């Protein structure tokens, strides 16, 4: 999804009040915040370009967060406690997987190569 004029306005002037009579035409912007300088058309266009270029990075971060959340259960101490039955046999695989995902969450890239989530192996 491409960034819009409204996205650019919110990014550049998060506390400003404004309305767009036509969401695709910046000339229809009504500015209600006299103490905040209204961005120029060039600033809006530049911000839209910046927001669009950051979208793949933000998508990487969001997907990494989702994948970490989905495997949070593997970090619970009871899961690998051998006095409990069943217990997770391959926690080390999940730790390696989560470390790879965490690297993508922190240093997101535009076109990540996602590791494969391990299949849980349980004791009998």
PDB file of N, CA and C in Angstrom:
ATOM      1  N   UNK A   1       0.844  -1.176   0.000  1.00  0.00           N
ATOM      2  CA  UNK A   1       0.000   0.000   0.000  1.00  0.00           C
ATOM      3  C   UNK A   1       0.892   1.242   0.000  1.00  0.00           C
ATOM      4  N   UNK A   2       0.646   2.135  -0.895  1.00  0.00           N
ATOM      5  CA  UNK A   2       1.444   3.345  -1.001  1.00  0.00           C
ATOM      6  C   UNK A   2       1.027   4.377   0.034  1.00  0.00           C
ATOM      7  N   UNK A   3       2.012   5.148   0.463  1.00  0.00           N
ATOM      8  CA  UNK A   3       1.744   6.229   1.409  1.00  0.00           C
ATOM      9  C   UNK A   3       0.875   7.290   0.737  1.00  0.00           C
ATOM     10  N   UNK A   4       0.092   7.954   1.531  1.00  0.00           N
ATOM     11  CA  UNK A   4      -0.836   8.963   1.029  1.00  0.00           C
ATOM     12  C   UNK A   4      -0.425  10.357   1.512  1.00  0.00           C
ATOM     13  N   UNK A   5      -1.123  11.352   1.016  1.00  0.00           N
ATOM     14  CA  UNK A   5      -0.917  12.725   1.490  1.00  0.00           C
ATOM     15  C   UNK A   5      -1.179  12.788   2.992  1.00  0.00           C
ATOM     16  N   UNK A   6      -2.232  12.127   3.436  1.00  0.00           N
ATOM     17  CA  UNK A   6      -2.562  12.123   4.864  1.00  0.00           C
ATOM     18  C   UNK A   6      -1.443  11.479   5.683  1.00  0.00           C
ATOM     19  N   UNK A   7      -0.868  10.400   5.186  1.00  0.00           N
ATOM     20  CA  UNK A   7       0.257   9.755   5.882  1.00  0.00           C
ATOM     21  C   UNK A   7       1.430  10.725   6.010  1.00  0.00           C
ATOM     22  N   UNK A   8       1.709  11.443   4.922  1.00  0.00           N
ATOM     23  CA  UNK A   8       2.817  12.405   4.928  1.00  0.00           C
ATOM     24  C   UNK A   8       2.549  13.540   5.910  1.00  0.00           C
ATOM     25  N   UNK A   9       1.328  14.046   5.913  1.00  0.00           N
ATOM     26  CA  UNK A   9       0.974  15.117   6.850  1.00  0.00           C
ATOM     27  C   UNK A   9       1.123  14.656   8.296  1.00  0.00           C
ATOM     28  N   UNK A  10       0.653  13.438   8.584  1.00  0.00           N
ATOM     29  CA  UNK A  10       0.758  12.922   9.952  1.00  0.00           C
ATOM     30  C   UNK A  10       2.210  12.701  10.346  1.00  0.00           C
ATOM     31  N   UNK A  11       3.026  12.292   9.402  1.00  0.00           N
ATOM     32  CA  UNK A  11       4.438  12.065   9.680  1.00  0.00           C
ATOM     33  C   UNK A  11       5.192  13.378   9.902  1.00  0.00           C
ATOM     34  N   UNK A  12       4.926  14.363   9.052  1.00  0.00           N
ATOM     35  CA  UNK A  12       5.640  15.639   9.130  1.00  0.00           C
ATOM     36  C   UNK A  12       5.136  16.542  10.260  1.00  0.00           C
ATOM     37  N   UNK A  13       3.840  16.517  10.510  1.00  0.00           N
ATOM     38  CA  UNK A  13       3.233  17.425  11.500  1.00  0.00           C
ATOM     39  C   UNK A  13       2.240  16.646  12.366  1.00  0.00           C
ATOM     40  N   UNK A  14       2.761  15.789  13.259  1.00  0.00           N
ATOM     41  CA  UNK A  14       1.870  14.888  14.000  1.00  0.00           C
ATOM     42  C   UNK A  14       0.848  15.575  14.901  1.00  0.00           C
ATOM     43  N   UNK A  15       1.108  16.806  15.305  1.00  0.00           N
ATOM     44  CA  UNK A  15       0.160  17.487  16.202  1.00  0.00           C
ATOM     45  C   UNK A  15      -0.719  18.509  15.482  1.00  0.00           C
ATOM     46  N   UNK A  16      -0.515  18.654  14.195  1.00  0.00           N
ATOM     47  CA  UNK A  16      -1.303  19.633  13.429  1.00  0.00           C
ATOM     48  C   UNK A  16      -2.714  19.128  13.191  1.00  0.00           C
ATOM     49  N   UNK A  17      -3.601  20.083  13.010  1.00  0.00           N
ATOM     50  CA  UNK A  17      -4.982  19.767  12.649  1.00  0.00           C
ATOM     51  C   UNK A  17      -5.218  20.274  11.237  1.00  0.00           C
ATOM     52  N   UNK A  18      -5.798  19.419  10.429  1.00  0.00           N
ATOM     53  CA  UNK A  18      -6.020  19.730   9.026  1.00  0.00           C
ATOM     54  C   UNK A  18      -7.109  18.808   8.492  1.00  0.00           C
ATOM     55  N   UNK A  19      -7.582  19.109   7.314  1.00  0.00           N
ATOM     56  CA  UNK A  19      -8.495  18.202   6.608  1.00  0.00           C
ATOM     57  C   UNK A  19      -8.181  18.286   5.123  1.00  0.00           C
ATOM     58  N   UNK A  20      -8.463  17.209   4.444  1.00  0.00           N
ATOM     59  CA  UNK A  20      -8.293  17.148   2.996  1.00  0.00           C
ATOM     60  C   UNK A  20      -9.670  16.971   2.373  1.00  0.00           C
ATOM     61  N   UNK A  21     -10.071  17.910   1.564  1.00  0.00           N
ATOM     62  CA  UNK A  21     -11.368  17.804   0.899  1.00  0.00           C
ATOM     63  C   UNK A  21     -11.334  16.715  -0.174  1.00  0.00           C
ATOM     64  N   UNK A  22     -10.164  16.538  -0.787  1.00  0.00           N
ATOM     65  CA  UNK A  22      -9.929  15.465  -1.752  1.00  0.00           C
ATOM     66  C   UNK A  22      -8.637  14.776  -1.314  1.00  0.00           C
ATOM     67  N   UNK A  23      -8.687  13.523  -0.893  1.00  0.00           N
ATOM     68  CA  UNK A  23      -7.511  12.864  -0.325  1.00  0.00           C
ATOM     69  C   UNK A  23      -6.340  12.687  -1.286  1.00  0.00           C
ATOM     70  N   UNK A  24      -6.561  12.901  -2.575  1.00  0.00           N
ATOM     71  CA  UNK A  24      -5.468  12.762  -3.543  1.00  0.00           C
ATOM     72  C   UNK A  24      -4.985  14.102  -4.091  1.00  0.00           C
ATOM     73  N   UNK A  25      -5.487  15.210  -3.532  1.00  0.00           N
ATOM     74  CA  UNK A  25      -5.113  16.539  -4.028  1.00  0.00           C
ATOM     75  C   UNK A  25      -4.708  17.426  -2.845  1.00  0.00           C
ATOM     76  N   UNK A  26      -3.412  17.656  -2.714  1.00  0.00           N
ATOM     77  CA  UNK A  26      -2.915  18.448  -1.590  1.00  0.00           C
ATOM     78  C   UNK A  26      -3.446  19.887  -1.622  1.00  0.00           C
ATOM     79  N   UNK A  27      -3.804  20.372  -2.787  1.00  0.00           N
ATOM     80  CA  UNK A  27      -4.341  21.736  -2.897  1.00  0.00           C
ATOM     81  C   UNK A  27      -5.665  21.905  -2.169  1.00  0.00           C
ATOM     82  N   UNK A  28      -6.310  20.791  -1.806  1.00  0.00           N
ATOM     83  CA  UNK A  28      -7.584  20.871  -1.088  1.00  0.00           C
ATOM     84  C   UNK A  28      -7.393  20.781   0.428  1.00  0.00           C
ATOM     85  N   UNK A  29      -6.154  20.872   0.870  1.00  0.00           N
ATOM     86  CA  UNK A  29      -5.867  20.799   2.303  1.00  0.00           C
ATOM     87  C   UNK A  29      -6.318  22.091   2.997  1.00  0.00           C
ATOM     88  N   UNK A  30      -7.089  21.926   4.057  1.00  0.00           N
ATOM     89  CA  UNK A  30      -7.501  23.056   4.889  1.00  0.00           C
ATOM     90  C   UNK A  30      -6.696  22.946   6.174  1.00  0.00           C
ATOM     91  N   UNK A  31      -5.926  23.971   6.489  1.00  0.00           N
ATOM     92  CA  UNK A  31      -4.981  23.965   7.614  1.00  0.00           C
ATOM     93  C   UNK A  31      -5.593  24.687   8.814  1.00  0.00           C
ATOM     94  N   UNK A  32      -5.701  23.993   9.949  1.00  0.00           N
ATOM     95  CA  UNK A  32      -6.328  24.551  11.136  1.00  0.00           C
ATOM     96  C   UNK A  32      -5.331  24.843  12.267  1.00  0.00           C
ATOM     97  N   UNK A  33      -4.045  24.718  11.994  1.00  0.00           N
ATOM     98  CA  UNK A  33      -3.031  24.909  13.037  1.00  0.00           C
ATOM     99  C   UNK A  33      -2.096  26.057  12.671  1.00  0.00           C
ATOM    100  N   UNK A  34      -2.503  27.289  12.966  1.00  0.00           N
ATOM    101  CA  UNK A  34      -1.694  28.444  12.556  1.00  0.00           C
ATOM    102  C   UNK A  34      -0.314  28.482  13.218  1.00  0.00           C
ATOM    103  N   UNK A  35      -0.143  27.857  14.364  1.00  0.00           N
ATOM    104  CA  UNK A  35       1.163  27.878  15.035  1.00  0.00           C
ATOM    105  C   UNK A  35       2.123  26.832  14.468  1.00  0.00           C
ATOM    106  N   UNK A  36       1.638  25.980  13.568  1.00  0.00           N
ATOM    107  CA  UNK A  36       2.472  24.961  12.921  1.00  0.00           C
ATOM    108  C   UNK A  36       2.523  25.289  11.435  1.00  0.00           C
ATOM    109  N   UNK A  37       3.736  25.343  10.905  1.00  0.00           N
ATOM    110  CA  UNK A  37       3.905  25.666   9.490  1.00  0.00           C
ATOM    111  C   UNK A  37       3.391  24.521   8.624  1.00  0.00           C
ATOM    112  N   UNK A  38       2.540  24.878   7.692  1.00  0.00           N
ATOM    113  CA  UNK A  38       2.008  23.874   6.774  1.00  0.00           C
ATOM    114  C   UNK A  38       3.103  23.444   5.809  1.00  0.00           C
ATOM    115  N   UNK A  39       3.294  22.134   5.627  1.00  0.00           N
ATOM    116  CA  UNK A  39       4.315  21.671   4.680  1.00  0.00           C
ATOM    117  C   UNK A  39       3.985  22.094   3.255  1.00  0.00           C
ATOM    118  N   UNK A  40       5.009  22.229   2.455  1.00  0.00           N
ATOM    119  CA  UNK A  40       4.824  22.549   1.040  1.00  0.00           C
ATOM    120  C   UNK A  40       4.504  21.266   0.265  1.00  0.00           C
ATOM    121  N   UNK A  41       4.050  21.438  -0.947  1.00  0.00           N
ATOM    122  CA  UNK A  41       3.787  20.285  -1.817  1.00  0.00           C
ATOM    123  C   UNK A  41       5.063  19.461  -1.995  1.00  0.00           C
ATOM    124  N   UNK A  42       6.203  20.133  -2.158  1.00  0.00           N
ATOM    125  CA  UNK A  42       7.476  19.418  -2.333  1.00  0.00           C
ATOM    126  C   UNK A  42       7.820  18.605  -1.084  1.00  0.00           C
ATOM    127  N   UNK A  43       7.584  19.162   0.097  1.00  0.00           N
ATOM    128  CA  UNK A  43       7.849  18.426   1.334  1.00  0.00           C
ATOM    129  C   UNK A  43       6.928  17.209   1.449  1.00  0.00           C
ATOM    130  N   UNK A  44       5.682  17.388   1.059  1.00  0.00           N
ATOM    131  CA  UNK A  44       4.725  16.275   1.080  1.00  0.00           C
ATOM    132  C   UNK A  44       5.177  15.186   0.120  1.00  0.00           C
ATOM    133  N   UNK A  45       5.540  15.550  -1.087  1.00  0.00           N
ATOM    134  CA  UNK A  45       5.986  14.569  -2.082  1.00  0.00           C
ATOM    135  C   UNK A  45       7.231  13.825  -1.601  1.00  0.00           C
ATOM    136  N   UNK A  46       8.157  14.559  -0.999  1.00  0.00           N
ATOM    137  CA  UNK A  46       9.375  13.944  -0.478  1.00  0.00           C
ATOM    138  C   UNK A  46       9.050  12.967   0.649  1.00  0.00           C
ATOM    139  N   UNK A  47       8.167  13.370   1.540  1.00  0.00           N
ATOM    140  CA  UNK A  47       7.799  12.504   2.667  1.00  0.00           C
ATOM    141  C   UNK A  47       7.080  11.251   2.182  1.00  0.00           C
ATOM    142  N   UNK A  48       6.237  11.372   1.182  1.00  0.00           N
ATOM    143  CA  UNK A  48       5.573  10.199   0.605  1.00  0.00           C
ATOM    144  C   UNK A  48       6.620   9.230   0.057  1.00  0.00           C
ATOM    145  N   UNK A  49       7.629   9.761  -0.628  1.00  0.00           N
ATOM    146  CA  UNK A  49       8.699   8.911  -1.162  1.00  0.00           C
ATOM    147  C   UNK A  49       9.460   8.212  -0.040  1.00  0.00           C
ATOM    148  N   UNK A  50       9.758   8.947   1.027  1.00  0.00           N
ATOM    149  CA  UNK A  50      10.463   8.352   2.175  1.00  0.00           C
ATOM    150  C   UNK A  50       9.606   7.265   2.811  1.00  0.00           C
ATOM    151  N   UNK A  51       8.346   7.552   3.045  1.00  0.00           N
ATOM    152  CA  UNK A  51       7.453   6.565   3.655  1.00  0.00           C
ATOM    153  C   UNK A  51       7.335   5.316   2.784  1.00  0.00           C
ATOM    154  N   UNK A  52       7.232   5.500   1.489  1.00  0.00           N
ATOM    155  CA  UNK A  52       7.135   4.349   0.585  1.00  0.00           C
ATOM    156  C   UNK A  52       8.421   3.525   0.595  1.00  0.00           C
ATOM    157  N   UNK A  53       9.565   4.194   0.669  1.00  0.00           N
ATOM    158  CA  UNK A  53      10.826   3.447   0.679  1.00  0.00           C
ATOM    159  C   UNK A  53      11.021   2.693   1.996  1.00  0.00           C
ATOM    160  N   UNK A  54      10.390   3.159   3.072  1.00  0.00           N
ATOM    161  CA  UNK A  54      10.515   2.492   4.371  1.00  0.00           C
ATOM    162  C   UNK A  54       9.520   1.350   4.557  1.00  0.00           C
ATOM    163  N   UNK A  55       8.508   1.256   3.709  1.00  0.00           N
ATOM    164  CA  UNK A  55       7.473   0.232   3.888  1.00  0.00           C
ATOM    165  C   UNK A  55       8.015  -1.192   3.929  1.00  0.00           C
ATOM    166  N   UNK A  56       8.932  -1.594   3.039  1.00  0.00           N
ATOM    167  CA  UNK A  56       9.448  -2.967   3.130  1.00  0.00           C
ATOM    168  C   UNK A  56      10.183  -3.227   4.447  1.00  0.00           C
ATOM    169  N   UNK A  57      10.870  -2.219   4.948  1.00  0.00           N
ATOM    170  CA  UNK A  57      11.587  -2.379   6.214  1.00  0.00           C
ATOM    171  C   UNK A  57      10.604  -2.529   7.371  1.00  0.00           C
ATOM    172  N   UNK A  58       9.556  -1.729   7.354  1.00  0.00           N
ATOM    173  CA  UNK A  58       8.536  -1.830   8.397  1.00  0.00           C
ATOM    174  C   UNK A  58       7.802  -3.163   8.311  1.00  0.00           C
ATOM    175  N   UNK A  59       7.587  -3.652   7.105  1.00  0.00           N
ATOM    176  CA  UNK A  59       6.935  -4.952   6.930  1.00  0.00           C
ATOM    177  C   UNK A  59       7.815  -6.064   7.493  1.00  0.00           C
ATOM    178  N   UNK A  60       9.116  -5.963   7.293  1.00  0.00           N
ATOM    179  CA  UNK A  60      10.062  -6.940   7.842  1.00  0.00           C
ATOM    180  C   UNK A  60       9.985  -6.940   9.361  1.00  0.00           C
ATOM    181  N   UNK A  61      10.007  -5.770   9.945  1.00  0.00           N
ATOM    182  CA  UNK A  61       9.935  -5.643  11.406  1.00  0.00           C
ATOM    183  C   UNK A  61       8.633  -6.230  11.945  1.00  0.00           C
ATOM    184  N   UNK A  62       7.526  -5.929  11.288  1.00  0.00           N
ATOM    185  CA  UNK A  62       6.221  -6.429  11.731  1.00  0.00           C
ATOM    186  C   UNK A  62       6.141  -7.951  11.622  1.00  0.00           C
ATOM    187  N   UNK A  63       6.640  -8.506  10.527  1.00  0.00           N
ATOM    188  CA  UNK A  63       6.617  -9.967  10.354  1.00  0.00           C
ATOM    189  C   UNK A  63       7.514 -10.642  11.385  1.00  0.00           C
ATOM    190  N   UNK A  64       8.678 -10.059  11.651  1.00  0.00           N
ATOM    191  CA  UNK A  64       9.579 -10.632  12.658  1.00  0.00           C
ATOM    192  C   UNK A  64       8.912 -10.628  14.030  1.00  0.00           C
ATOM    193  N   UNK A  65       8.250  -9.562  14.367  1.00  0.00           N
ATOM    194  CA  UNK A  65       7.544  -9.496  15.652  1.00  0.00           C
ATOM    195  C   UNK A  65       6.465 -10.567  15.733  1.00  0.00           C
ATOM    196  N   UNK A  66       5.746 -10.755  14.642  1.00  0.00           N
ATOM    197  CA  UNK A  66       4.683 -11.761  14.601  1.00  0.00           C
ATOM    198  C   UNK A  66       5.266 -13.170  14.779  1.00  0.00           C
ATOM    199  N   UNK A  67       6.381 -13.442  14.114  1.00  0.00           N
ATOM    200  CA  UNK A  67       7.003 -14.768  14.211  1.00  0.00           C
ATOM    201  C   UNK A  67       7.572 -15.019  15.606  1.00  0.00           C
ATOM    202  N   UNK A  68       8.145 -13.989  16.208  1.00  0.00           N
ATOM    203  CA  UNK A  68       8.639 -14.147  17.580  1.00  0.00           C
ATOM    204  C   UNK A  68       7.488 -14.431  18.540  1.00  0.00           C
ATOM    205  N   UNK A  69       6.409 -13.697  18.382  1.00  0.00           N
ATOM    206  CA  UNK A  69       5.238 -13.889  19.232  1.00  0.00           C
ATOM    207  C   UNK A  69       4.708 -15.323  19.111  1.00  0.00           C
ATOM    208  N   UNK A  70       4.710 -15.840  17.893  1.00  0.00           N
ATOM    209  CA  UNK A  70       4.177 -17.185  17.654  1.00  0.00           C
ATOM    210  C   UNK A  70       5.015 -18.277  18.307  1.00  0.00           C
ATOM    211  N   UNK A  71       6.270 -17.984  18.615  1.00  0.00           N
ATOM    212  CA  UNK A  71       7.128 -19.000  19.243  1.00  0.00           C
ATOM    213  C   UNK A  71       7.522 -18.631  20.671  1.00  0.00           C
ATOM    214  N   UNK A  72       6.872 -17.644  21.233  1.00  0.00           N
ATOM    215  CA  UNK A  72       7.162 -17.272  22.626  1.00  0.00           C
ATOM    216  C   UNK A  72       7.009 -18.441  23.584  1.00  0.00           C
ATOM    217  N   UNK A  73       6.068 -19.312  23.311  1.00  0.00           N
ATOM    218  CA  UNK A  73       5.806 -20.442  24.194  1.00  0.00           C
ATOM    219  C   UNK A  73       7.040 -21.313  24.386  1.00  0.00           C
ATOM    220  N   UNK A  74       7.972 -21.307  23.436  1.00  0.00           N
ATOM    221  CA  UNK A  74       9.164 -22.164  23.541  1.00  0.00           C
ATOM    222  C   UNK A  74      10.143 -21.660  24.584  1.00  0.00           C
ATOM    223  N   UNK A  75       9.934 -20.453  25.095  1.00  0.00           N
ATOM    224  CA  UNK A  75      10.859 -19.891  26.086  1.00  0.00           C
ATOM    225  C   UNK A  75      10.395 -20.114  27.522  1.00  0.00           C
ATOM    226  N   UNK A  76       9.250 -20.732  27.697  1.00  0.00           N
ATOM    227  CA  UNK A  76       8.731 -20.989  29.041  1.00  0.00           C
ATOM    228  C   UNK A  76       9.555 -22.104  29.680  1.00  0.00           C
ATOM    229  N   UNK A  77      10.106 -21.883  30.874  1.00  0.00           N
ATOM    230  CA  UNK A  77      10.963 -22.899  31.503  1.00  0.00           C
ATOM    231  C   UNK A  77      10.292 -24.267  31.663  1.00  0.00           C
ATOM    232  N   UNK A  78       8.997 -24.303  31.944  1.00  0.00           N
ATOM    233  CA  UNK A  78       8.308 -25.587  32.118  1.00  0.00           C
ATOM    234  C   UNK A  78       8.365 -26.460  30.866  1.00  0.00           C
ATOM    235  N   UNK A  79       8.449 -25.834  29.716  1.00  0.00           N
ATOM    236  CA  UNK A  79       8.418 -26.565  28.444  1.00  0.00           C
ATOM    237  C   UNK A  79       9.625 -27.494  28.302  1.00  0.00           C
ATOM    238  N   UNK A  80      10.771 -27.069  28.813  1.00  0.00           N
ATOM    239  CA  UNK A  80      11.994 -27.877  28.651  1.00  0.00           C
ATOM    240  C   UNK A  80      12.434 -28.568  29.936  1.00  0.00           C
ATOM    241  N   UNK A  81      11.646 -28.447  30.964  1.00  0.00           N
ATOM    242  CA  UNK A  81      11.967 -29.098  32.230  1.00  0.00           C
ATOM    243  C   UNK A  81      11.788 -30.611  32.064  1.00  0.00           C
ATOM    244  N   UNK A  82      12.876 -31.359  32.186  1.00  0.00           N
ATOM    245  CA  UNK A  82      12.827 -32.805  31.942  1.00  0.00           C
ATOM    246  C   UNK A  82      12.067 -33.564  33.018  1.00  0.00           C
ATOM    247  N   UNK A  83      11.742 -32.922  34.119  1.00  0.00           N
ATOM    248  CA  UNK A  83      10.911 -33.592  35.128  1.00  0.00           C
ATOM    249  C   UNK A  83       9.436 -33.530  34.746  1.00  0.00           C
ATOM    250  N   UNK A  84       9.110 -32.677  33.793  1.00  0.00           N
ATOM    251  CA  UNK A  84       7.742 -32.619  33.264  1.00  0.00           C
ATOM    252  C   UNK A  84       7.656 -33.550  32.071  1.00  0.00           C
ATOM    253  N   UNK A  85       6.505 -34.120  31.867  1.00  0.00           N
ATOM    254  CA  UNK A  85       6.361 -34.987  30.715  1.00  0.00           C
ATOM    255  C   UNK A  85       5.019 -34.689  30.057  1.00  0.00           C
ATOM    256  N   UNK A  86       4.961 -34.340  28.800  1.00  0.00           N
ATOM    257  CA  UNK A  86       6.094 -34.259  27.880  1.00  0.00           C
ATOM    258  C   UNK A  86       6.860 -32.940  28.026  1.00  0.00           C
ATOM    259  N   UNK A  87       8.052 -32.893  27.488  1.00  0.00           N
ATOM    260  CA  UNK A  87       8.841 -31.672  27.442  1.00  0.00           C
ATOM    261  C   UNK A  87       9.427 -31.516  26.045  1.00  0.00           C
ATOM    262  N   UNK A  88       9.761 -30.294  25.710  1.00  0.00           N
ATOM    263  CA  UNK A  88      10.273 -29.976  24.375  1.00  0.00           C
ATOM    264  C   UNK A  88      11.711 -30.467  24.252  1.00  0.00           C
ATOM    265  N   UNK A  89      11.945 -31.330  23.279  1.00  0.00           N
ATOM    266  CA  UNK A  89      13.281 -31.903  23.087  1.00  0.00           C
ATOM    267  C   UNK A  89      14.212 -30.987  22.294  1.00  0.00           C
ATOM    268  N   UNK A  90      13.665 -30.195  21.412  1.00  0.00           N
ATOM    269  CA  UNK A  90      14.510 -29.419  20.490  1.00  0.00           C
ATOM    270  C   UNK A  90      14.449 -27.909  20.758  1.00  0.00           C
ATOM    271  N   UNK A  91      14.530 -27.527  22.016  1.00  0.00           N
ATOM    272  CA  UNK A  91      14.506 -26.097  22.333  1.00  0.00           C
ATOM    273  C   UNK A  91      15.675 -25.365  21.678  1.00  0.00           C
ATOM    274  N   UNK A  92      16.826 -26.009  21.542  1.00  0.00           N
ATOM    275  CA  UNK A  92      17.989 -25.353  20.924  1.00  0.00           C
ATOM    276  C   UNK A  92      17.668 -24.899  19.495  1.00  0.00           C
ATOM    277  N   UNK A  93      16.878 -25.690  18.771  1.00  0.00           N
ATOM    278  CA  UNK A  93      16.485 -25.293  17.413  1.00  0.00           C
ATOM    279  C   UNK A  93      15.611 -24.036  17.449  1.00  0.00           C
ATOM    280  N   UNK A  94      14.725 -23.980  18.426  1.00  0.00           N
ATOM    281  CA  UNK A  94      13.862 -22.800  18.559  1.00  0.00           C
ATOM    282  C   UNK A  94      14.682 -21.575  18.980  1.00  0.00           C
ATOM    283  N   UNK A  95      15.675 -21.768  19.826  1.00  0.00           N
ATOM    284  CA  UNK A  95      16.533 -20.654  20.237  1.00  0.00           C
ATOM    285  C   UNK A  95      17.274 -20.102  19.024  1.00  0.00           C
ATOM    286  N   UNK A  96      17.833 -20.989  18.199  1.00  0.00           N
ATOM    287  CA  UNK A  96      18.545 -20.548  16.988  1.00  0.00           C
ATOM    288  C   UNK A  96      17.592 -19.835  16.030  1.00  0.00           C
ATOM    289  N   UNK A  97      16.402 -20.397  15.856  1.00  0.00           N
ATOM    290  CA  UNK A  97      15.387 -19.783  14.991  1.00  0.00           C
ATOM    291  C   UNK A  97      15.025 -18.393  15.497  1.00  0.00           C
ATOM    292  N   UNK A  98      14.730 -18.283  16.789  1.00  0.00           N
ATOM    293  CA  UNK A  98      14.326 -17.000  17.365  1.00  0.00           C
ATOM    294  C   UNK A  98      15.462 -15.979  17.291  1.00  0.00           C
ATOM    295  N   UNK A  99      16.709 -16.413  17.433  1.00  0.00           N
ATOM    296  CA  UNK A  99      17.839 -15.488  17.301  1.00  0.00           C
ATOM    297  C   UNK A  99      17.925 -14.939  15.877  1.00  0.00           C
ATOM    298  N   UNK A 100      17.703 -15.806  14.887  1.00  0.00           N
ATOM    299  CA  UNK A 100      17.723 -15.349  13.484  1.00  0.00           C
ATOM    300  C   UNK A 100      16.588 -14.364  13.225  1.00  0.00           C
ATOM    301  N   UNK A 101      15.414 -14.649  13.765  1.00  0.00           N
ATOM    302  CA  UNK A 101      14.265 -13.747  13.597  1.00  0.00           C
ATOM    303  C   UNK A 101      14.531 -12.426  14.314  1.00  0.00           C
ATOM    304  N   UNK A 102      15.095 -12.510  15.511  1.00  0.00           N
ATOM    305  CA  UNK A 102      15.366 -11.293  16.290  1.00  0.00           C
ATOM    306  C   UNK A 102      16.333 -10.369  15.543  1.00  0.00           C
ATOM    307  N   UNK A 103      17.307 -10.946  14.843  1.00  0.00           N
ATOM    308  CA  UNK A 103      18.236 -10.133  14.042  1.00  0.00           C
ATOM    309  C   UNK A 103      17.473  -9.353  12.966  1.00  0.00           C
ATOM    310  N   UNK A 104      16.480 -10.006  12.349  1.00  0.00           N
ATOM    311  CA  UNK A 104      15.683  -9.320  11.327  1.00  0.00           C
ATOM    312  C   UNK A 104      14.765  -8.274  11.955  1.00  0.00           C
ATOM    313  N   UNK A 105      14.334  -8.505  13.184  1.00  0.00           N
ATOM    314  CA  UNK A 105      13.475  -7.529  13.871  1.00  0.00           C
ATOM    315  C   UNK A 105      14.256  -6.267  14.212  1.00  0.00           C
ATOM    316  N   UNK A 106      15.531  -6.437  14.535  1.00  0.00           N
ATOM    317  CA  UNK A 106      16.357  -5.294  14.943  1.00  0.00           C
ATOM    318  C   UNK A 106      16.994  -4.612  13.730  1.00  0.00           C
ATOM    319  N   UNK A 107      17.515  -5.400  12.812  1.00  0.00           N
ATOM    320  CA  UNK A 107      18.188  -4.867  11.615  1.00  0.00           C
ATOM    321  C   UNK A 107      17.393  -5.276  10.389  1.00  0.00           C
ATOM    322  N   UNK A 108      16.179  -4.726  10.278  1.00  0.00           N
ATOM    323  CA  UNK A 108      15.275  -5.147   9.211  1.00  0.00           C
ATOM    324  C   UNK A 108      15.843  -4.841   7.826  1.00  0.00           C
ATOM    325  N   UNK A 109      15.487  -5.710   6.908  1.00  0.00           N
ATOM    326  CA  UNK A 109      15.915  -5.577   5.518  1.00  0.00           C
ATOM    327  C   UNK A 109      14.691  -5.567   4.617  1.00  0.00           C
ATOM    328  N   UNK A 110      14.870  -5.073   3.421  1.00  0.00           N
ATOM    329  CA  UNK A 110      13.739  -4.922   2.498  1.00  0.00           C
ATOM    330  C   UNK A 110      13.239  -6.260   1.967  1.00  0.00           C
ATOM    331  N   UNK A 111      14.142  -7.205   1.753  1.00  0.00           N
ATOM    332  CA  UNK A 111      13.754  -8.493   1.172  1.00  0.00           C
ATOM    333  C   UNK A 111      14.375  -9.616   2.001  1.00  0.00           C
ATOM    334  N   UNK A 112      13.826  -9.868   3.196  1.00  0.00           N
ATOM    335  CA  UNK A 112      14.454 -10.836   4.098  1.00  0.00           C
ATOM    336  C   UNK A 112      14.283 -12.279   3.628  1.00  0.00           C
ATOM    337  N   UNK A 113      15.219 -13.105   4.023  1.00  0.00           N
ATOM    338  CA  UNK A 113      15.100 -14.552   3.842  1.00  0.00           C
ATOM    339  C   UNK A 113      14.746 -15.101   5.215  1.00  0.00           C
ATOM    340  N   UNK A 114      13.511 -15.558   5.339  1.00  0.00           N
ATOM    341  CA  UNK A 114      13.017 -16.008   6.636  1.00  0.00           C
ATOM    342  C   UNK A 114      13.450 -17.441   6.900  1.00  0.00           C
ATOM    343  N   UNK A 115      13.966 -17.695   8.097  1.00  0.00           N
ATOM    344  CA  UNK A 115      14.295 -19.082   8.444  1.00  0.00           C
ATOM    345  C   UNK A 115      13.015 -19.893   8.631  1.00  0.00           C
ATOM    346  N   UNK A 116      13.145 -21.191   8.511  1.00  0.00           N
ATOM    347  CA  UNK A 116      12.001 -22.077   8.685  1.00  0.00           C
ATOM    348  C   UNK A 116      11.814 -22.375  10.166  1.00  0.00           C
ATOM    349  N   UNK A 117      10.589 -22.245  10.621  1.00  0.00           N
ATOM    350  CA  UNK A 117      10.294 -22.519  12.024  1.00  0.00           C
ATOM    351  C   UNK A 117      10.458 -24.017  12.281  1.00  0.00           C
ATOM    352  N   UNK A 118      11.153 -24.379  13.361  1.00  0.00           N
ATOM    353  CA  UNK A 118      11.292 -25.802  13.671  1.00  0.00           C
ATOM    354  C   UNK A 118       9.948 -26.442  14.025  1.00  0.00           C
ATOM    355  N   UNK A 119       9.876 -27.714  13.848  1.00  0.00           N
ATOM    356  CA  UNK A 119       8.716 -28.481  14.286  1.00  0.00           C
ATOM    357  C   UNK A 119       8.993 -28.962  15.701  1.00  0.00           C
ATOM    358  N   UNK A 120       8.065 -28.711  16.581  1.00  0.00           N
ATOM    359  CA  UNK A 120       8.253 -29.113  17.976  1.00  0.00           C
ATOM    360  C   UNK A 120       8.367 -30.633  18.082  1.00  0.00           C
ATOM    361  N   UNK A 121       9.383 -31.045  18.809  1.00  0.00           N
ATOM    362  CA  UNK A 121       9.571 -32.462  19.089  1.00  0.00           C
ATOM    363  C   UNK A 121       9.423 -32.661  20.588  1.00  0.00           C
ATOM    364  N   UNK A 122       8.513 -33.551  20.972  1.00  0.00           N
ATOM    365  CA  UNK A 122       8.179 -33.747  22.369  1.00  0.00           C
ATOM    366  C   UNK A 122       8.662 -35.101  22.862  1.00  0.00           C
ATOM    367  N   UNK A 123       8.995 -35.118  24.139  1.00  0.00           N
ATOM    368  CA  UNK A 123       9.334 -36.387  24.775  1.00  0.00           C
ATOM    369  C   UNK A 123       8.072 -37.240  24.862  1.00  0.00           C
ATOM    370  N   UNK A 124       8.251 -38.494  25.096  1.00  0.00           N
ATOM    371  CA  UNK A 124       7.086 -39.388  25.198  1.00  0.00           C
ATOM    372  C   UNK A 124       6.598 -39.496  26.619  1.00  0.00           C
TER     373      UNK A 124
END
